[in-house]
C-alpha atoms as a PDB file:
ATOM      1  CA  MET A   1    -142.210  93.014 -82.312  1.00  0.00           C
ATOM      2  CA  ASN A   2    -144.572  90.189 -81.341  1.00  0.00           C
ATOM      3  CA  ILE A   3    -147.722  91.866 -79.589  1.00  0.00           C
ATOM      4  CA  ILE A   4    -150.139  89.896 -77.087  1.00  0.00           C
ATOM      5  CA  ASP A   5    -153.804  91.763 -77.559  1.00  0.00           C
ATOM      6  CA  LEU A   6    -156.125  90.645 -74.918  1.00  0.00           C
ATOM      7  CA  HIS A   7    -159.196  92.314 -76.163  1.00  0.00           C
ATOM      8  CA  CYS A   8    -160.702  91.572 -79.521  1.00  0.00           C
ATOM      9  CA  ASP A   9    -164.812  91.076 -80.351  1.00  0.00           C
ATOM     10  CA  ALA A  10    -164.462  89.025 -83.686  1.00  0.00           C
ATOM     11  CA  LEU A  11    -166.602  86.455 -82.089  1.00  0.00           C
ATOM     12  CA  LEU A  12    -169.436  88.635 -82.067  1.00  0.00           C
ATOM     13  CA  LYS A  13    -169.065  89.618 -85.677  1.00  0.00           C
ATOM     14  CA  LEU A  14    -168.690  86.068 -86.679  1.00  0.00           C
ATOM     15  CA  SER A  15    -171.562  84.866 -84.772  1.00  0.00           C
ATOM     16  CA  GLU A  16    -173.937  87.747 -86.177  1.00  0.00           C
ATOM     17  CA  ALA A  17    -172.869  87.099 -90.015  1.00  0.00           C
ATOM     18  CA  LYS A  18    -173.983  83.649 -88.789  1.00  0.00           C
ATOM     19  CA  GLY A  19    -171.415  81.997 -91.263  1.00  0.00           C
ATOM     20  CA  ALA A  20    -170.904  84.157 -93.915  1.00  0.00           C
ATOM     21  CA  LEU A  21    -167.494  85.462 -93.137  1.00  0.00           C
ATOM     22  CA  ARG A  22    -164.183  83.835 -92.640  1.00  0.00           C
ATOM     23  CA  PHE A  23    -161.782  84.657 -90.297  1.00  0.00           C
ATOM     24  CA  ALA A  24    -158.973  83.568 -92.457  1.00  0.00           C
ATOM     25  CA  ASP A  25    -159.433  86.918 -94.390  1.00  0.00           C
ATOM     26  CA  ALA A  26    -162.488  88.434 -94.155  1.00  0.00           C
ATOM     27  CA  PRO A  27    -162.170  92.158 -95.070  1.00  0.00           C
ATOM     28  CA  GLU A  28    -164.870  92.927 -92.253  1.00  0.00           C
ATOM     29  CA  LEU A  29    -163.175  91.749 -89.369  1.00  0.00           C
ATOM     30  CA  GLU A  30    -159.774  93.859 -87.957  1.00  0.00           C
ATOM     31  CA  THR A  31    -158.332  90.858 -86.552  1.00  0.00           C
ATOM     32  CA  ASN A  32    -158.928  88.527 -89.154  1.00  0.00           C
ATOM     33  CA  LYS A  33    -155.983  85.756 -89.229  1.00  0.00           C
ATOM     34  CA  THR A  34    -154.167  87.737 -92.002  1.00  0.00           C
ATOM     35  CA  ARG A  35    -153.845  91.367 -90.387  1.00  0.00           C
ATOM     36  CA  LEU A  36    -152.958  89.158 -87.200  1.00  0.00           C
ATOM     37  CA  GLN A  37    -149.844  87.397 -89.279  1.00  0.00           C
ATOM     38  CA  GLN A  38    -149.013  91.401 -90.480  1.00  0.00           C
ATOM     39  CA  GLY A  39    -149.376  93.150 -87.230  1.00  0.00           C
ATOM     40  CA  LYS A  40    -147.373  90.404 -85.563  1.00  0.00           C
ATOM     41  CA  ILE A  41    -150.179  89.591 -83.005  1.00  0.00           C
ATOM     42  CA  LYS A  42    -148.510  86.526 -81.450  1.00  0.00           C
ATOM     43  CA  VAL A  43    -151.351  86.293 -78.966  1.00  0.00           C
ATOM     44  CA  GLN A  44    -155.044  87.233 -79.611  1.00  0.00           C
ATOM     45  CA  CYS A  45    -157.859  86.973 -76.775  1.00  0.00           C
ATOM     46  CA  PHE A  46    -161.493  86.816 -78.117  1.00  0.00           C
ATOM     47  CA  ALA A  47    -164.044  87.959 -76.054  1.00  0.00           C
ATOM     48  CA  ILE A  48    -167.578  86.374 -75.658  1.00  0.00           C
ATOM     49  CA  PHE A  49    -169.836  89.452 -75.241  1.00  0.00           C
ATOM     50  CA  ILE A  50    -173.757  89.193 -75.607  1.00  0.00           C
ATOM     51  CA  GLU A  51    -175.627  91.887 -76.690  1.00  0.00           C
ATOM     52  CA  PRO A  52    -177.952  93.530 -73.821  1.00  0.00           C
ATOM     53  CA  ASP A  53    -180.700  93.531 -75.608  1.00  0.00           C
ATOM     54  CA  ILE A  54    -180.946  89.674 -76.190  1.00  0.00           C
ATOM     55  CA  HIS A  55    -183.862  87.962 -73.563  1.00  0.00           C
ATOM     56  CA  SER A  56    -181.795  86.383 -70.656  1.00  0.00           C
ATOM     57  CA  ASP A  57    -183.356  82.593 -71.383  1.00  0.00           C
ATOM     58  CA  GLN A  58    -181.362  83.178 -74.075  1.00  0.00           C
ATOM     59  CA  LYS A  59    -178.064  84.617 -73.686  1.00  0.00           C
ATOM     60  CA  PHE A  60    -176.235  81.370 -72.299  1.00  0.00           C
ATOM     61  CA  GLN A  61    -177.241  79.725 -75.995  1.00  0.00           C
ATOM     62  CA  ALA A  62    -175.670  83.185 -77.700  1.00  0.00           C
ATOM     63  CA  ALA A  63    -172.598  82.382 -75.676  1.00  0.00           C
ATOM     64  CA  LEU A  64    -172.288  79.117 -76.396  1.00  0.00           C
ATOM     65  CA  GLU A  65    -172.708  79.799 -80.179  1.00  0.00           C
ATOM     66  CA  GLN A  66    -169.695  82.441 -80.189  1.00  0.00           C
ATOM     67  CA  VAL A  67    -167.688  79.441 -78.825  1.00  0.00           C
ATOM     68  CA  ASP A  68    -168.751  77.591 -81.532  1.00  0.00           C
ATOM     69  CA  TYR A  69    -167.775  80.007 -84.227  1.00  0.00           C
ATOM     70  CA  PHE A  70    -164.393  80.205 -81.867  1.00  0.00           C
ATOM     71  CA  TYR A  71    -163.617  76.298 -82.220  1.00  0.00           C
ATOM     72  CA  LYS A  72    -165.252  75.774 -85.666  1.00  0.00           C
ATOM     73  CA  GLU A  73    -164.105  79.174 -87.593  1.00  0.00           C
ATOM     74  CA  VAL A  74    -161.197  80.319 -85.855  1.00  0.00           C
ATOM     75  CA  LEU A  75    -158.854  77.156 -84.767  1.00  0.00           C
ATOM     76  CA  GLY A  76    -160.680  75.042 -86.851  1.00  0.00           C
ATOM     77  CA  LYS A  77    -159.892  75.970 -90.267  1.00  0.00           C
ATOM     78  CA  ASN A  78    -156.581  77.367 -89.014  1.00  0.00           C
ATOM     79  CA  PRO A  79    -154.303  75.032 -88.153  1.00  0.00           C
ATOM     80  CA  ASP A  80    -151.646  78.193 -87.234  1.00  0.00           C
ATOM     81  CA  MET A  81    -154.362  79.201 -84.677  1.00  0.00           C
ATOM     82  CA  VAL A  82    -153.320  77.598 -81.680  1.00  0.00           C
ATOM     83  CA  HIS A  83    -155.828  77.365 -78.549  1.00  0.00           C
ATOM     84  CA  ILE A  84    -154.602  78.779 -75.166  1.00  0.00           C
ATOM     85  CA  LYS A  85    -156.278  76.707 -72.567  1.00  0.00           C
ATOM     86  CA  LYS A  86    -153.569  76.981 -69.819  1.00  0.00           C
ATOM     87  CA  TRP A  87    -151.170  79.721 -69.226  1.00  0.00           C
ATOM     88  CA  SER A  88    -147.983  77.503 -69.647  1.00  0.00           C
ATOM     89  CA  ASP A  89    -149.486  77.411 -73.243  1.00  0.00           C
ATOM     90  CA  PHE A  90    -148.018  81.103 -73.900  1.00  0.00           C
ATOM     91  CA  ASP A  91    -144.320  79.387 -73.462  1.00  0.00           C
ATOM     92  CA  GLN A  92    -145.415  76.871 -76.464  1.00  0.00           C
ATOM     93  CA  LEU A  93    -146.060  78.568 -79.432  1.00  0.00           C
ATOM     94  CA  LYS A  94    -143.703  77.833 -82.004  1.00  0.00           C
ATOM     95  CA  ILE A  95    -142.599  80.538 -85.130  1.00  0.00           C
ATOM     96  CA  GLY A  96    -145.670  80.719 -87.356  1.00  0.00           C
ATOM     97  CA  GLN A  97    -148.674  80.127 -84.465  1.00  0.00           C
ATOM     98  CA  ILE A  98    -150.998  82.663 -83.323  1.00  0.00           C
ATOM     99  CA  GLY A  99    -152.284  81.877 -79.846  1.00  0.00           C
ATOM    100  CA  ALA A 100    -156.136  82.098 -79.236  1.00  0.00           C
ATOM    101  CA  MET A 101    -157.460  82.574 -75.882  1.00  0.00           C
ATOM    102  CA  LEU A 102    -160.901  83.376 -74.965  1.00  0.00           C
ATOM    103  CA  THR A 103    -162.144  85.664 -72.638  1.00  0.00           C
ATOM    104  CA  LEU A 104    -165.740  86.887 -71.376  1.00  0.00           C
ATOM    105  CA  GLU A 105    -167.024  90.032 -71.223  1.00  0.00           C
ATOM    106  CA  GLY A 106    -170.084  90.393 -68.265  1.00  0.00           C
ATOM    107  CA  VAL A 107    -170.812  87.308 -66.968  1.00  0.00           C
ATOM    108  CA  ASP A 108    -174.711  88.324 -67.927  1.00  0.00           C
ATOM    109  CA  ALA A 109    -175.113  85.240 -69.762  1.00  0.00           C
ATOM    110  CA  ILE A 110    -174.197  82.501 -67.058  1.00  0.00           C
ATOM    111  CA  GLY A 111    -177.428  84.414 -65.148  1.00  0.00           C
ATOM    112  CA  ASN A 112    -177.193  83.518 -61.335  1.00  0.00           C
ATOM    113  CA  ASP A 113    -176.001  79.597 -62.293  1.00  0.00           C
ATOM    114  CA  LEU A 114    -172.233  79.459 -61.376  1.00  0.00           C
ATOM    115  CA  THR A 115    -172.517  76.025 -63.344  1.00  0.00           C
ATOM    116  CA  LYS A 116    -172.416  77.902 -66.414  1.00  0.00           C
ATOM    117  CA  LEU A 117    -169.296  79.854 -65.718  1.00  0.00           C
ATOM    118  CA  TYR A 118    -167.684  76.435 -64.933  1.00  0.00           C
ATOM    119  CA  ILE A 119    -168.421  75.103 -68.331  1.00  0.00           C
ATOM    120  CA  LEU A 120    -167.005  78.373 -69.949  1.00  0.00           C
ATOM    121  CA  TYR A 121    -164.291  77.605 -67.886  1.00  0.00           C
ATOM    122  CA  GLN A 122    -163.802  74.179 -69.482  1.00  0.00           C
ATOM    123  CA  LEU A 123    -164.477  75.575 -72.549  1.00  0.00           C
ATOM    124  CA  GLY A 124    -161.079  77.623 -72.375  1.00  0.00           C
ATOM    125  CA  VAL A 125    -162.174  80.816 -71.113  1.00  0.00           C
ATOM    126  CA  ARG A 126    -159.345  82.145 -68.690  1.00  0.00           C
ATOM    127  CA  SER A 127    -160.377  85.977 -68.269  1.00  0.00           C
ATOM    128  CA  VAL A 128    -163.551  87.144 -67.019  1.00  0.00           C
ATOM    129  CA  GLY A 129    -165.060  91.053 -66.736  1.00  0.00           C
ATOM    130  CA  LEU A 130    -168.296  90.850 -64.420  1.00  0.00           C
ATOM    131  CA  THR A 131    -169.878  93.428 -66.377  1.00  0.00           C
ATOM    132  CA  TRP A 132    -170.062  95.208 -69.419  1.00  0.00           C
ATOM    133  CA  ASN A 133    -171.459  98.994 -69.042  1.00  0.00           C
ATOM    134  CA  ASN A 134    -175.192  97.657 -67.849  1.00  0.00           C
ATOM    135  CA  ALA A 135    -175.712  96.070 -64.214  1.00  0.00           C
ATOM    136  CA  ASN A 136    -176.127  92.590 -63.903  1.00  0.00           C
ATOM    137  CA  LEU A 137    -176.201  89.925 -61.265  1.00  0.00           C
ATOM    138  CA  ALA A 138    -172.922  90.336 -60.280  1.00  0.00           C
ATOM    139  CA  ALA A 139    -172.199  94.009 -60.068  1.00  0.00           C
ATOM    140  CA  ASP A 140    -172.645  97.297 -61.658  1.00  0.00           C
ATOM    141  CA  GLY A 141    -171.266  98.579 -64.886  1.00  0.00           C
ATOM    142  CA  ALA A 142    -169.541 102.020 -66.022  1.00  0.00           C
ATOM    143  CA  GLY A 143    -172.637 103.256 -67.731  1.00  0.00           C
ATOM    144  CA  GLU A 144    -175.288 102.129 -64.573  1.00  0.00           C
ATOM    145  CA  PRO A 145    -175.856 105.515 -62.589  1.00  0.00           C
ATOM    146  CA  ARG A 146    -176.349 103.581 -59.385  1.00  0.00           C
ATOM    147  CA  GLY A 147    -172.640 103.071 -59.001  1.00  0.00           C
ATOM    148  CA  ALA A 148    -173.215  99.769 -56.878  1.00  0.00           C
ATOM    149  CA  GLY A 149    -170.560  97.354 -55.749  1.00  0.00           C
ATOM    150  CA  LEU A 150    -170.562  93.584 -56.306  1.00  0.00           C
ATOM    151  CA  THR A 151    -173.361  91.677 -54.734  1.00  0.00           C
ATOM    152  CA  LEU A 152    -172.703  88.334 -53.109  1.00  0.00           C
ATOM    153  CA  PHE A 153    -172.769  86.615 -56.090  1.00  0.00           C
ATOM    154  CA  GLY A 154    -170.148  88.474 -57.778  1.00  0.00           C
ATOM    155  CA  LYS A 155    -167.922  88.296 -54.616  1.00  0.00           C
ATOM    156  CA  GLU A 156    -168.692  84.471 -55.442  1.00  0.00           C
ATOM    157  CA  ILE A 157    -167.532  84.787 -58.974  1.00  0.00           C
ATOM    158  CA  VAL A 158    -164.462  86.271 -57.875  1.00  0.00           C
ATOM    159  CA  HIS A 159    -163.355  83.543 -55.293  1.00  0.00           C
ATOM    160  CA  PHE A 160    -164.285  81.341 -58.271  1.00  0.00           C
ATOM    161  CA  HIS A 161    -161.598  83.346 -60.533  1.00  0.00           C
ATOM    162  CA  ASN A 162    -159.245  82.726 -57.500  1.00  0.00           C
ATOM    163  CA  GLU A 163    -159.577  79.209 -57.204  1.00  0.00           C
ATOM    164  CA  HIS A 164    -159.369  78.691 -60.804  1.00  0.00           C
ATOM    165  CA  GLN A 165    -156.462  80.910 -61.681  1.00  0.00           C
ATOM    166  CA  ILE A 166    -158.941  83.019 -63.896  1.00  0.00           C
ATOM    167  CA  LEU A 167    -158.182  86.620 -64.504  1.00  0.00           C
ATOM    168  CA  THR A 168    -160.848  89.266 -62.634  1.00  0.00           C
ATOM    169  CA  ASP A 169    -161.378  91.586 -65.783  1.00  0.00           C
ATOM    170  CA  VAL A 170    -161.788  95.318 -64.156  1.00  0.00           C
ATOM    171  CA  SER A 171    -162.389  97.066 -67.371  1.00  0.00           C
ATOM    172  CA  HIS A 172    -166.204  97.842 -67.741  1.00  0.00           C
ATOM    173  CA  LEU A 173    -167.033  97.781 -63.899  1.00  0.00           C
ATOM    174  CA  CYS A 174    -168.191 100.929 -61.994  1.00  0.00           C
ATOM    175  CA  GLU A 175    -165.778 102.618 -59.453  1.00  0.00           C
ATOM    176  CA  LYS A 176    -167.650 101.141 -56.251  1.00  0.00           C
ATOM    177  CA  ALA A 177    -167.592  97.591 -57.822  1.00  0.00           C
ATOM    178  CA  PHE A 178    -163.877  98.373 -58.957  1.00  0.00           C
ATOM    179  CA  TRP A 179    -162.990  98.707 -55.302  1.00  0.00           C
ATOM    180  CA  ASP A 180    -164.729  95.534 -54.265  1.00  0.00           C
ATOM    181  CA  VAL A 181    -162.814  93.507 -56.569  1.00  0.00           C
ATOM    182  CA  MET A 182    -159.603  94.993 -56.076  1.00  0.00           C
ATOM    183  CA  GLU A 183    -160.309  93.710 -51.893  1.00  0.00           C
ATOM    184  CA  ILE A 184    -160.984  89.990 -53.139  1.00  0.00           C
ATOM    185  CA  ALA A 185    -159.101  89.474 -56.715  1.00  0.00           C
ATOM    186  CA  LYS A 186    -155.543  87.849 -56.738  1.00  0.00           C
ATOM    187  CA  TYR A 187    -155.982  88.010 -60.837  1.00  0.00           C
ATOM    188  CA  PRO A 188    -156.868  91.552 -61.592  1.00  0.00           C
ATOM    189  CA  ILE A 189    -156.373  93.086 -65.051  1.00  0.00           C
ATOM    190  CA  ALA A 190    -157.784  95.822 -67.091  1.00  0.00           C
ATOM    191  CA  SER A 191    -158.250  94.321 -70.494  1.00  0.00           C
ATOM    192  CA  HIS A 192    -158.820  97.370 -72.535  1.00  0.00           C
ATOM    193  CA  SER A 193    -158.887 100.532 -70.187  1.00  0.00           C
ATOM    194  CA  ASN A 194    -157.001 104.035 -70.737  1.00  0.00           C
ATOM    195  CA  SER A 195    -156.797 107.176 -68.351  1.00  0.00           C
ATOM    196  CA  LYS A 196    -159.241 108.941 -66.954  1.00  0.00           C
ATOM    197  CA  LYS A 197    -157.023 111.724 -66.177  1.00  0.00           C
ATOM    198  CA  LEU A 198    -156.359 112.233 -70.188  1.00  0.00           C
ATOM    199  CA  CYS A 199    -159.640 111.380 -71.132  1.00  0.00           C
ATOM    200  CA  ASN A 200    -162.721 111.717 -68.464  1.00  0.00           C
ATOM    201  CA  HIS A 201    -164.915 109.344 -69.794  1.00  0.00           C
ATOM    202  CA  PRO A 202    -166.640 106.524 -67.253  1.00  0.00           C
ATOM    203  CA  ARG A 203    -164.635 104.107 -69.344  1.00  0.00           C
ATOM    204  CA  ASN A 204    -161.504 104.655 -68.275  1.00  0.00           C
ATOM    205  CA  LEU A 205    -159.585 104.695 -64.859  1.00  0.00           C
ATOM    206  CA  THR A 206    -158.615 107.154 -62.085  1.00  0.00           C
ATOM    207  CA  ASP A 207    -155.028 107.379 -61.125  1.00  0.00           C
ATOM    208  CA  GLU A 208    -156.019 106.542 -57.512  1.00  0.00           C
ATOM    209  CA  GLN A 209    -157.571 102.902 -59.632  1.00  0.00           C
ATOM    210  CA  ALA A 210    -154.514 102.607 -61.899  1.00  0.00           C
ATOM    211  CA  ALA A 211    -152.145 102.871 -58.549  1.00  0.00           C
ATOM    212  CA  ALA A 212    -154.172 100.433 -56.583  1.00  0.00           C
ATOM    213  CA  MET A 213    -154.066  98.297 -59.696  1.00  0.00           C
ATOM    214  CA  PHE A 214    -150.091  98.462 -59.982  1.00  0.00           C
ATOM    215  CA  THR A 215    -149.889  97.565 -56.108  1.00  0.00           C
ATOM    216  CA  LYS A 216    -151.912  94.803 -56.555  1.00  0.00           C
ATOM    217  CA  GLY A 217    -149.594  93.513 -59.172  1.00  0.00           C
ATOM    218  CA  GLY A 218    -152.386  93.791 -61.690  1.00  0.00           C
ATOM    219  CA  LEU A 219    -152.069  95.014 -65.361  1.00  0.00           C
ATOM    220  CA  ILE A 220    -153.735  97.712 -67.815  1.00  0.00           C
ATOM    221  CA  HIS A 221    -153.458  96.922 -71.312  1.00  0.00           C
ATOM    222  CA  VAL A 222    -154.370 100.316 -73.180  1.00  0.00           C
ATOM    223  CA  VAL A 223    -157.336 100.576 -75.425  1.00  0.00           C
ATOM    224  CA  TYR A 224    -157.322 101.789 -78.947  1.00  0.00           C
ATOM    225  CA  ASN A 225    -160.933 103.489 -79.050  1.00  0.00           C
ATOM    226  CA  PRO A 226    -160.779 107.276 -79.745  1.00  0.00           C
ATOM    227  CA  PRO A 227    -163.472 108.290 -77.359  1.00  0.00           C
ATOM    228  CA  PHE A 228    -161.494 106.736 -74.471  1.00  0.00           C
ATOM    229  CA  ILE A 229    -158.129 108.287 -75.692  1.00  0.00           C
ATOM    230  CA  THR A 230    -159.348 112.308 -76.366  1.00  0.00           C
ATOM    231  CA  GLU A 231    -162.165 114.138 -75.583  1.00  0.00           C
ATOM    232  CA  SER A 232    -162.532 115.027 -79.348  1.00  0.00           C
ATOM    233  CA  GLY A 233    -163.204 111.542 -80.042  1.00  0.00           C
ATOM    234  CA  LYS A 234    -160.076 111.438 -82.433  1.00  0.00           C
ATOM    235  CA  ALA A 235    -156.792 110.087 -81.880  1.00  0.00           C
ATOM    236  CA  SER A 236    -153.275 109.648 -83.325  1.00  0.00           C
ATOM    237  CA  ILE A 237    -151.002 106.973 -82.201  1.00  0.00           C
ATOM    238  CA  PRO A 238    -148.919 109.828 -80.190  1.00  0.00           C
ATOM    239  CA  ASP A 239    -152.401 110.459 -78.474  1.00  0.00           C
ATOM    240  CA  LEU A 240    -152.421 106.930 -77.217  1.00  0.00           C
ATOM    241  CA  VAL A 241    -148.637 106.676 -76.629  1.00  0.00           C
ATOM    242  CA  LYS A 242    -149.444 109.622 -73.975  1.00  0.00           C
ATOM    243  CA  HIS A 243    -151.756 107.140 -71.984  1.00  0.00           C
ATOM    244  CA  ILE A 244    -149.224 104.716 -71.607  1.00  0.00           C
ATOM    245  CA  ASP A 245    -146.724 107.202 -70.602  1.00  0.00           C
ATOM    246  CA  HIS A 246    -148.963 108.467 -68.109  1.00  0.00           C
ATOM    247  CA  PHE A 247    -149.451 105.252 -66.762  1.00  0.00           C
ATOM    248  CA  CYS A 248    -145.518 104.778 -66.774  1.00  0.00           C
ATOM    249  CA  SER A 249    -145.660 107.827 -64.343  1.00  0.00           C
ATOM    250  CA  LEU A 250    -147.776 106.166 -61.897  1.00  0.00           C
ATOM    251  CA  GLY A 251    -145.560 103.156 -61.338  1.00  0.00           C
ATOM    252  CA  GLY A 252    -146.872 101.157 -64.108  1.00  0.00           C
ATOM    253  CA  VAL A 253    -144.075 100.825 -66.375  1.00  0.00           C
ATOM    254  CA  LYS A 254    -143.772  96.721 -66.148  1.00  0.00           C
ATOM    255  CA  GLN A 255    -147.230  96.647 -66.202  1.00  0.00           C
ATOM    256  CA  ILE A 256    -148.873  97.985 -69.117  1.00  0.00           C
ATOM    257  CA  GLY A 257    -150.186  96.354 -71.951  1.00  0.00           C
ATOM    258  CA  LEU A 258    -152.329  96.399 -75.073  1.00  0.00           C
ATOM    259  CA  GLY A 259    -155.864  95.713 -75.532  1.00  0.00           C
ATOM    260  CA  SER A 260    -157.287  97.077 -79.213  1.00  0.00           C
ATOM    261  CA  ASP A 261    -160.789  96.035 -78.764  1.00  0.00           C
ATOM    262  CA  PHE A 262    -160.655  95.994 -82.415  1.00  0.00           C
ATOM    263  CA  ASP A 263    -164.105  94.564 -83.906  1.00  0.00           C
ATOM    264  CA  GLY A 264    -165.937  96.339 -81.174  1.00  0.00           C
ATOM    265  CA  ILE A 265    -165.155 100.096 -81.813  1.00  0.00           C
ATOM    266  CA  ALA A 266    -166.476 102.240 -84.594  1.00  0.00           C
ATOM    267  CA  THR A 267    -163.954 104.859 -84.950  1.00  0.00           C
ATOM    268  CA  PHE A 268    -159.819 104.432 -85.302  1.00  0.00           C
ATOM    269  CA  ILE A 269    -156.448 105.873 -84.445  1.00  0.00           C
ATOM    270  CA  THR A 270    -154.813 106.871 -87.395  1.00  0.00           C
ATOM    271  CA  ASP A 271    -152.807 104.929 -88.901  1.00  0.00           C
ATOM    272  CA  LEU A 272    -153.849 101.956 -86.276  1.00  0.00           C
ATOM    273  CA  GLU A 273    -157.359 100.854 -88.182  1.00  0.00           C
ATOM    274  CA  ASN A 274    -156.876  96.995 -87.632  1.00  0.00           C
ATOM    275  CA  ALA A 275    -154.325  94.325 -86.794  1.00  0.00           C
ATOM    276  CA  SER A 276    -152.017  94.658 -89.385  1.00  0.00           C
ATOM    277  CA  LYS A 277    -151.201  98.208 -88.426  1.00  0.00           C
ATOM    278  CA  SER A 278    -149.682  97.108 -84.924  1.00  0.00           C
ATOM    279  CA  GLN A 279    -146.241  97.729 -85.578  1.00  0.00           C
ATOM    280  CA  ASN A 280    -146.962 101.057 -86.020  1.00  0.00           C
ATOM    281  CA  LEU A 281    -147.395 101.691 -82.801  1.00  0.00           C
ATOM    282  CA  ILE A 282    -144.516  99.569 -81.686  1.00  0.00           C
ATOM    283  CA  ASN A 283    -142.271 101.777 -83.765  1.00  0.00           C
ATOM    284  CA  GLU A 284    -143.797 104.961 -82.374  1.00  0.00           C
ATOM    285  CA  LEU A 285    -143.306 103.491 -78.658  1.00  0.00           C
ATOM    286  CA  LEU A 286    -139.363 102.922 -79.814  1.00  0.00           C
ATOM    287  CA  LYS A 287    -138.832 106.519 -80.144  1.00  0.00           C
ATOM    288  CA  TYR A 288    -139.585 107.310 -76.346  1.00  0.00           C
ATOM    289  CA  TYR A 289    -138.817 103.805 -74.750  1.00  0.00           C
ATOM    290  CA  SER A 290    -136.091 101.393 -74.516  1.00  0.00           C
ATOM    291  CA  GLU A 291    -136.167  98.257 -76.526  1.00  0.00           C
ATOM    292  CA  GLU A 292    -136.991  96.194 -73.653  1.00  0.00           C
ATOM    293  CA  GLU A 293    -139.684  98.640 -72.093  1.00  0.00           C
ATOM    294  CA  VAL A 294    -141.432  98.217 -75.407  1.00  0.00           C
ATOM    295  CA  ARG A 295    -141.298  94.308 -75.313  1.00  0.00           C
ATOM    296  CA  GLY A 296    -142.740  94.589 -71.839  1.00  0.00           C
ATOM    297  CA  PHE A 297    -145.482  96.683 -73.143  1.00  0.00           C
ATOM    298  CA  ALA A 298    -145.920  94.408 -76.447  1.00  0.00           C
ATOM    299  CA  TYR A 299    -145.863  90.972 -74.405  1.00  0.00           C
ATOM    300  CA  GLN A 300    -143.407  90.587 -71.950  1.00  0.00           C
ATOM    301  CA  ASN A 301    -145.121  92.328 -68.719  1.00  0.00           C
ATOM    302  CA  PHE A 302    -148.119  89.635 -69.668  1.00  0.00           C
ATOM    303  CA  LEU A 303    -145.940  87.025 -69.517  1.00  0.00           C
ATOM    304  CA  ASP A 304    -144.132  88.088 -66.328  1.00  0.00           C
ATOM    305  CA  ARG A 305    -147.461  88.400 -64.519  1.00  0.00           C
ATOM    306  CA  ARG A 306    -150.180  86.051 -65.437  1.00  0.00           C
ATOM    307  CA  PRO A 307    -151.552  83.668 -63.122  1.00  0.00           C
ATOM    308  CA  GLY A 308    -149.049  80.725 -61.621  1.00  0.00           C
ATOM    309  CA  VAL A 309    -145.753  83.044 -62.903  1.00  0.00           C
ATOM    310  CA  GLY A 310    -145.859  86.323 -61.524  1.00  0.00           C
ATOM    311  CA  ARG A 311    -148.055  86.466 -58.787  1.00  0.00           C
END
C-alpha cells in the first residue's frame, strides 16, 4: 500500500555530511531512495531544519544549502524522484516514481524577512512550521517555558500561508501559539505529532487540540519517535497504533496520516527502524481497520484534504 510520509530530516544529514552520503542508498539515511522504494513510500516530504546553535546571520544560507542538496542529490541524481511543486502534482506521479516535497521546520532561517519565506516558497516549500522547540520571532515552541502565542510577525506568516496555499504545521508549537494558529490558519496540519493523552510529552497534542484540528479540517500525522509514543521511551508498532486509535475516537478517522520523522530520531519502534519497514505498520493496521480506512491513513486522507482539493 502506497504511503505519503509528511516528515523526515534526510536533508540535514546530507548537509552535515557535506556530499559524503548518496541519497540513493547510503545506509546512514533511514529514508534513502532504496528504502523508500522497499517501503512503498509514494511521496516523501523533506524538511529543511536549521540547528538552533547556528548563528542567526548564517541560518538562511544553511537553509539554502539544504535546498541545494535536495535539488542536486535527491532530485538531480535520481530521475525517479519527482519534485512536488503544486498540490495537483500528487495526481501526476507514475508507477515507479516517488514524489519529493520540501517543507520548513521552524522559520528561524528567515529572521524577520518575509521575502526569504517567499524565496523558499518559490523553491518548492509547501508546508511550514513556525517553530522548532525553541522560541523565535514568530512564536514560542513546545520547549519554551514562557509558552507565548504568535507574534504579529507570526500572524503575518500564517496569512502568507493562507494566500499561497501553504500548510501551517502546528507540530512544534506551544499550546498558546497553537490556538492562535487555529484562529487564522486555513490549512493547519500536524506533520509529526501524537496524543498527549497516551504519552504526556510536550510535543504531543491534547484531546482538545486534536478535536480542534479535526473540526477545522486539519490532519494529524502520527510520528514514529518512541519518546512521543510511550512514556518509557520504548515502543512497538501496536503502541503507535494506539495513538491512531485514540485520534479515531475523537472523530479523526478521515484526518489521520503518517509522519515518520526518520533521520531526525535517535531511537526506533521495533520492526519500524527505517522507511523500508513501513509496510509492517500497514499490515498491523489492517488487523484492526478496514482496507479503506488504512488507505486513508497511508495516503488518501492527505490527498482528500490537501489545499485546493478538500478545504
